[in-house]
């Protein structure tokens, strides 16, 4: 197919992003005395999540100035891939294990430039 100026998803393939992908930042602030438990629980989910279909990026970050602060930076090929991730056993274990011992905030983002 050849077109001039038409919108086609494959045009974005070389740009490093896809207009339908999902990006999320999940921040977790461990309750006092629980930072190591939260850290370990998140570390366990990283390898199986990175192996999931549709996972582009799944990075675990620790706050350099606050040993109770953690961030998960996620990038998924589609909403369907993200939805499938949230149904996995390892995700459910993470939520169950850190939910009672950390405050968690999840934000979705769209790439603007």
N, C-alpha and C. Protein backbone atom coordinates (compact mmCIF):
# COMPACT_ATOMS: atom_id res chain seq x y z
N UNK A 1 0.85 -1.18 0.00
CA UNK A 1 0.00 0.00 0.00
C UNK A 1 0.88 1.23 0.00
N UNK A 2 0.63 2.12 -0.90
CA UNK A 2 1.38 3.36 -0.98
C UNK A 2 0.42 4.52 -0.83
N UNK A 3 0.75 5.43 0.08
CA UNK A 3 -0.11 6.58 0.24
C UNK A 3 0.74 7.78 0.62
N UNK A 4 0.25 8.92 0.32
CA UNK A 4 0.95 10.15 0.66
C UNK A 4 0.16 10.89 1.72
N UNK A 5 0.72 10.96 2.93
CA UNK A 5 0.08 11.71 3.99
C UNK A 5 -1.03 10.98 4.73
N UNK A 6 -1.27 9.69 4.42
CA UNK A 6 -2.32 8.99 5.15
C UNK A 6 -1.79 8.48 6.48
N UNK A 7 -2.68 8.29 7.42
CA UNK A 7 -2.32 7.82 8.75
C UNK A 7 -2.37 6.31 8.76
N UNK A 8 -1.22 5.69 8.99
CA UNK A 8 -1.15 4.23 9.11
C UNK A 8 -0.26 3.91 10.30
N UNK A 9 -0.69 2.94 11.11
CA UNK A 9 0.05 2.61 12.33
C UNK A 9 1.48 2.18 12.05
N UNK A 10 1.72 1.50 10.94
CA UNK A 10 3.08 1.05 10.67
C UNK A 10 4.05 2.20 10.42
N UNK A 11 3.52 3.39 10.12
CA UNK A 11 4.39 4.56 9.95
C UNK A 11 5.13 4.90 11.23
N UNK A 12 4.58 4.48 12.38
CA UNK A 12 5.18 4.82 13.67
C UNK A 12 6.20 3.78 14.13
N UNK A 13 6.35 2.69 13.43
CA UNK A 13 7.17 1.58 13.91
C UNK A 13 8.60 1.99 14.22
N UNK A 14 9.20 2.83 13.44
CA UNK A 14 10.59 3.22 13.66
C UNK A 14 10.77 4.38 14.61
N UNK A 15 9.71 4.92 15.14
CA UNK A 15 9.80 6.10 16.00
C UNK A 15 10.06 5.76 17.46
N UNK A 16 10.01 4.48 17.84
CA UNK A 16 10.22 4.10 19.22
C UNK A 16 8.95 4.18 20.06
N UNK A 17 7.82 4.47 19.45
CA UNK A 17 6.56 4.43 20.16
C UNK A 17 5.46 4.06 19.19
N UNK A 18 4.36 3.67 19.76
CA UNK A 18 3.19 3.27 18.98
C UNK A 18 2.01 4.03 19.57
N UNK A 19 1.16 4.59 18.75
CA UNK A 19 0.07 5.43 19.27
C UNK A 19 -0.92 4.69 20.16
N UNK A 20 -0.96 3.36 20.12
CA UNK A 20 -1.91 2.61 20.94
C UNK A 20 -1.29 2.06 22.22
N UNK A 21 0.02 2.25 22.40
CA UNK A 21 0.66 1.68 23.58
C UNK A 21 0.23 2.38 24.86
N UNK A 22 0.43 1.68 25.96
CA UNK A 22 0.06 2.19 27.28
C UNK A 22 1.33 2.37 28.11
N UNK A 23 1.40 3.49 28.80
CA UNK A 23 2.51 3.76 29.70
C UNK A 23 1.94 4.09 31.07
N UNK A 24 2.57 3.50 32.09
CA UNK A 24 2.11 3.77 33.46
C UNK A 24 3.30 3.99 34.37
N UNK A 25 3.07 4.80 35.38
CA UNK A 25 4.00 4.94 36.49
C UNK A 25 3.25 4.52 37.74
N UNK A 26 3.81 3.57 38.44
CA UNK A 26 3.24 3.10 39.69
C UNK A 26 4.21 3.48 40.80
N UNK A 27 3.75 4.30 41.71
CA UNK A 27 4.60 4.67 42.84
C UNK A 27 4.11 3.94 44.08
N UNK A 28 5.07 3.48 44.86
CA UNK A 28 4.76 2.81 46.12
C UNK A 28 5.60 3.45 47.21
N UNK A 29 4.96 3.81 48.28
CA UNK A 29 5.66 4.33 49.45
C UNK A 29 5.41 3.35 50.59
N UNK A 30 6.48 2.64 50.96
CA UNK A 30 6.37 1.61 52.00
C UNK A 30 6.08 2.24 53.35
N UNK A 31 5.22 1.58 54.11
CA UNK A 31 4.97 2.00 55.49
C UNK A 31 6.25 1.79 56.30
N UNK A 32 6.42 2.53 57.40
CA UNK A 32 7.61 2.36 58.23
C UNK A 32 7.84 0.90 58.61
N UNK A 33 9.09 0.46 58.45
CA UNK A 33 9.47 -0.90 58.78
C UNK A 33 9.19 -1.92 57.69
N UNK A 34 8.67 -1.49 56.53
CA UNK A 34 8.29 -2.44 55.47
C UNK A 34 9.01 -2.22 54.14
N UNK A 35 10.01 -1.34 54.10
CA UNK A 35 10.64 -1.04 52.81
C UNK A 35 11.31 -2.27 52.18
N UNK A 36 11.95 -3.12 52.98
CA UNK A 36 12.60 -4.31 52.41
C UNK A 36 11.57 -5.30 51.88
N UNK A 37 10.45 -5.43 52.55
CA UNK A 37 9.40 -6.34 52.07
C UNK A 37 8.81 -5.86 50.76
N UNK A 38 8.59 -4.55 50.66
CA UNK A 38 8.06 -3.98 49.41
C UNK A 38 9.08 -4.15 48.30
N UNK A 39 10.35 -3.83 48.58
CA UNK A 39 11.41 -3.98 47.57
C UNK A 39 11.47 -5.41 47.05
N UNK A 40 11.49 -6.38 47.94
CA UNK A 40 11.60 -7.78 47.53
C UNK A 40 10.39 -8.23 46.71
N UNK A 41 9.20 -7.80 47.11
CA UNK A 41 7.98 -8.18 46.38
C UNK A 41 8.02 -7.63 44.95
N UNK A 42 8.47 -6.39 44.80
CA UNK A 42 8.54 -5.80 43.45
C UNK A 42 9.64 -6.48 42.64
N UNK A 43 10.78 -6.75 43.26
CA UNK A 43 11.87 -7.42 42.53
C UNK A 43 11.42 -8.76 41.96
N UNK A 44 10.57 -9.48 42.69
CA UNK A 44 10.11 -10.79 42.23
C UNK A 44 9.24 -10.72 40.99
N UNK A 45 8.54 -9.61 40.79
CA UNK A 45 7.60 -9.52 39.66
C UNK A 45 8.30 -9.09 38.36
N UNK A 46 9.48 -8.50 38.47
CA UNK A 46 10.13 -7.94 37.29
C UNK A 46 10.43 -8.99 36.21
N UNK A 47 11.16 -10.08 36.51
CA UNK A 47 11.47 -11.04 35.43
C UNK A 47 10.25 -11.64 34.73
N UNK A 48 9.24 -12.15 35.47
CA UNK A 48 8.10 -12.72 34.73
C UNK A 48 7.30 -11.67 33.96
N UNK A 49 7.28 -10.45 34.46
CA UNK A 49 6.54 -9.40 33.74
C UNK A 49 7.26 -9.04 32.45
N UNK A 50 8.57 -8.90 32.50
CA UNK A 50 9.33 -8.58 31.28
C UNK A 50 9.19 -9.66 30.22
N UNK A 51 8.89 -10.88 30.63
CA UNK A 51 8.73 -11.99 29.68
C UNK A 51 7.33 -12.07 29.08
N UNK A 52 6.41 -11.26 29.56
CA UNK A 52 5.03 -11.31 29.07
C UNK A 52 4.92 -10.76 27.65
N UNK A 53 4.00 -11.33 26.89
CA UNK A 53 3.68 -10.80 25.56
C UNK A 53 3.18 -9.38 25.71
N UNK A 54 3.71 -8.47 24.91
CA UNK A 54 3.23 -7.09 24.92
C UNK A 54 3.97 -6.18 25.88
N UNK A 55 4.88 -6.72 26.69
CA UNK A 55 5.65 -5.87 27.60
C UNK A 55 6.83 -5.27 26.83
N UNK A 56 6.85 -3.96 26.72
CA UNK A 56 7.95 -3.25 26.07
C UNK A 56 9.00 -2.87 27.11
N UNK A 57 8.52 -2.42 28.27
CA UNK A 57 9.43 -1.94 29.31
C UNK A 57 8.77 -2.14 30.67
N UNK A 58 9.57 -2.60 31.62
CA UNK A 58 9.10 -2.75 33.00
C UNK A 58 10.31 -2.51 33.89
N UNK A 59 10.45 -1.29 34.37
CA UNK A 59 11.62 -0.90 35.15
C UNK A 59 11.23 -0.65 36.59
N UNK A 60 12.06 -1.13 37.50
CA UNK A 60 11.87 -0.94 38.93
C UNK A 60 12.91 0.06 39.41
N UNK A 61 12.44 1.17 39.97
CA UNK A 61 13.32 2.24 40.42
C UNK A 61 13.15 2.44 41.92
N UNK A 62 14.27 2.69 42.60
CA UNK A 62 14.23 3.01 44.02
C UNK A 62 14.64 4.47 44.19
N UNK A 63 13.95 5.17 45.05
CA UNK A 63 14.22 6.58 45.32
C UNK A 63 15.58 6.70 46.01
N UNK A 64 16.48 7.50 45.44
CA UNK A 64 17.82 7.68 46.00
C UNK A 64 17.81 8.46 47.31
N UNK A 65 16.75 9.19 47.57
CA UNK A 65 16.69 10.03 48.76
C UNK A 65 15.69 9.56 49.81
N UNK A 66 15.00 8.45 49.55
CA UNK A 66 13.98 7.97 50.46
C UNK A 66 13.90 6.45 50.32
N UNK A 67 14.39 5.73 51.31
CA UNK A 67 14.44 4.26 51.16
C UNK A 67 13.07 3.60 51.25
N UNK A 68 12.02 4.39 51.42
CA UNK A 68 10.65 3.85 51.41
C UNK A 68 9.93 4.11 50.08
N UNK A 69 10.60 4.80 49.13
CA UNK A 69 9.96 5.17 47.88
C UNK A 69 10.42 4.33 46.70
N UNK A 70 9.45 3.84 45.93
CA UNK A 70 9.72 2.99 44.77
C UNK A 70 8.81 3.38 43.61
N UNK A 71 9.30 3.15 42.40
CA UNK A 71 8.53 3.44 41.19
C UNK A 71 8.67 2.26 40.23
N UNK A 72 7.58 1.90 39.60
CA UNK A 72 7.61 0.95 38.48
C UNK A 72 7.19 1.73 37.24
N UNK A 73 8.07 1.73 36.26
CA UNK A 73 7.79 2.40 34.98
C UNK A 73 7.43 1.31 33.98
N UNK A 74 6.20 1.38 33.47
CA UNK A 74 5.70 0.34 32.57
C UNK A 74 5.41 0.90 31.18
N UNK A 75 5.64 0.07 30.19
CA UNK A 75 5.27 0.41 28.82
C UNK A 75 4.77 -0.88 28.16
N UNK A 76 3.55 -0.82 27.65
CA UNK A 76 2.88 -1.99 27.07
C UNK A 76 2.47 -1.68 25.63
N UNK A 77 2.46 -2.70 24.79
CA UNK A 77 2.10 -2.53 23.39
C UNK A 77 0.65 -2.12 23.20
N UNK A 78 -0.21 -2.49 24.14
CA UNK A 78 -1.63 -2.20 23.98
C UNK A 78 -2.34 -2.30 25.33
N UNK A 79 -3.57 -1.84 25.36
CA UNK A 79 -4.40 -1.99 26.55
C UNK A 79 -4.64 -3.46 26.83
N UNK A 80 -4.80 -4.26 25.78
CA UNK A 80 -5.02 -5.70 25.97
C UNK A 80 -3.84 -6.35 26.67
N UNK A 81 -2.62 -5.96 26.31
CA UNK A 81 -1.43 -6.52 26.96
C UNK A 81 -1.38 -6.11 28.43
N UNK A 82 -1.69 -4.85 28.71
CA UNK A 82 -1.72 -4.38 30.10
C UNK A 82 -2.81 -5.11 30.89
N UNK A 83 -3.98 -5.26 30.30
CA UNK A 83 -5.08 -5.97 30.97
C UNK A 83 -4.69 -7.42 31.28
N UNK A 84 -4.01 -8.07 30.33
CA UNK A 84 -3.57 -9.46 30.53
C UNK A 84 -2.55 -9.52 31.68
N UNK A 85 -1.67 -8.53 31.75
CA UNK A 85 -0.68 -8.48 32.84
C UNK A 85 -1.38 -8.43 34.20
N UNK A 86 -2.42 -7.64 34.29
CA UNK A 86 -3.10 -7.47 35.57
C UNK A 86 -3.89 -8.72 36.00
N UNK A 87 -4.01 -9.68 35.11
CA UNK A 87 -4.67 -10.95 35.44
C UNK A 87 -3.68 -12.05 35.78
N UNK A 88 -2.37 -11.78 35.65
CA UNK A 88 -1.37 -12.81 35.93
C UNK A 88 -1.28 -13.09 37.42
N UNK A 89 -0.84 -14.29 37.73
CA UNK A 89 -0.69 -14.68 39.14
C UNK A 89 0.37 -13.82 39.84
N UNK A 90 1.49 -13.53 39.15
CA UNK A 90 2.54 -12.74 39.81
C UNK A 90 2.08 -11.31 40.12
N UNK A 91 1.23 -10.75 39.27
CA UNK A 91 0.71 -9.41 39.56
C UNK A 91 -0.23 -9.46 40.77
N UNK A 92 -1.10 -10.47 40.81
CA UNK A 92 -2.02 -10.60 41.94
C UNK A 92 -1.27 -10.79 43.25
N UNK A 93 -0.19 -11.57 43.23
CA UNK A 93 0.63 -11.77 44.43
C UNK A 93 1.24 -10.45 44.87
N UNK A 94 1.73 -9.66 43.91
CA UNK A 94 2.32 -8.36 44.26
C UNK A 94 1.29 -7.47 44.95
N UNK A 95 0.13 -7.35 44.34
CA UNK A 95 -0.91 -6.48 44.90
C UNK A 95 -1.30 -6.95 46.30
N UNK A 96 -1.47 -8.25 46.47
CA UNK A 96 -1.86 -8.79 47.78
C UNK A 96 -0.77 -8.59 48.82
N UNK A 97 0.49 -8.68 48.39
CA UNK A 97 1.59 -8.59 49.37
C UNK A 97 1.94 -7.17 49.76
N UNK A 98 1.87 -6.22 48.83
CA UNK A 98 2.27 -4.85 49.22
C UNK A 98 1.09 -3.93 49.52
N UNK A 99 -0.10 -4.30 49.09
CA UNK A 99 -1.27 -3.46 49.36
C UNK A 99 -1.43 -3.06 50.82
N UNK A 100 -1.29 -4.01 51.75
CA UNK A 100 -1.46 -3.66 53.16
C UNK A 100 -0.28 -2.91 53.79
N UNK A 101 0.88 -2.88 53.12
CA UNK A 101 2.07 -2.31 53.76
C UNK A 101 2.67 -1.13 53.00
N UNK A 102 1.95 -0.61 52.01
CA UNK A 102 2.45 0.52 51.23
C UNK A 102 1.28 1.32 50.68
N UNK A 103 1.51 2.61 50.48
CA UNK A 103 0.53 3.41 49.75
C UNK A 103 0.95 3.38 48.28
N UNK A 104 -0.01 3.16 47.41
CA UNK A 104 0.28 2.94 45.98
C UNK A 104 -0.53 3.91 45.15
N UNK A 105 0.12 4.48 44.15
CA UNK A 105 -0.57 5.37 43.21
C UNK A 105 -0.19 4.92 41.80
N UNK A 106 -1.19 4.80 40.93
CA UNK A 106 -0.96 4.39 39.55
C UNK A 106 -1.47 5.48 38.63
N UNK A 107 -0.61 5.93 37.71
CA UNK A 107 -0.99 6.96 36.74
C UNK A 107 -0.68 6.45 35.35
N UNK A 108 -1.61 6.68 34.42
CA UNK A 108 -1.38 6.34 33.01
C UNK A 108 -1.00 7.60 32.25
N UNK A 109 -0.10 7.44 31.30
CA UNK A 109 0.41 8.57 30.53
C UNK A 109 0.33 8.28 29.05
N UNK A 110 0.25 9.35 28.26
CA UNK A 110 0.32 9.28 26.81
C UNK A 110 1.56 10.04 26.36
N UNK A 111 2.32 9.46 25.47
CA UNK A 111 3.50 10.10 24.94
C UNK A 111 3.09 11.31 24.11
N UNK A 112 3.65 12.46 24.39
CA UNK A 112 3.29 13.69 23.70
C UNK A 112 4.33 14.12 22.68
N UNK A 113 5.56 13.78 22.91
CA UNK A 113 6.62 14.18 21.97
C UNK A 113 7.82 13.28 22.14
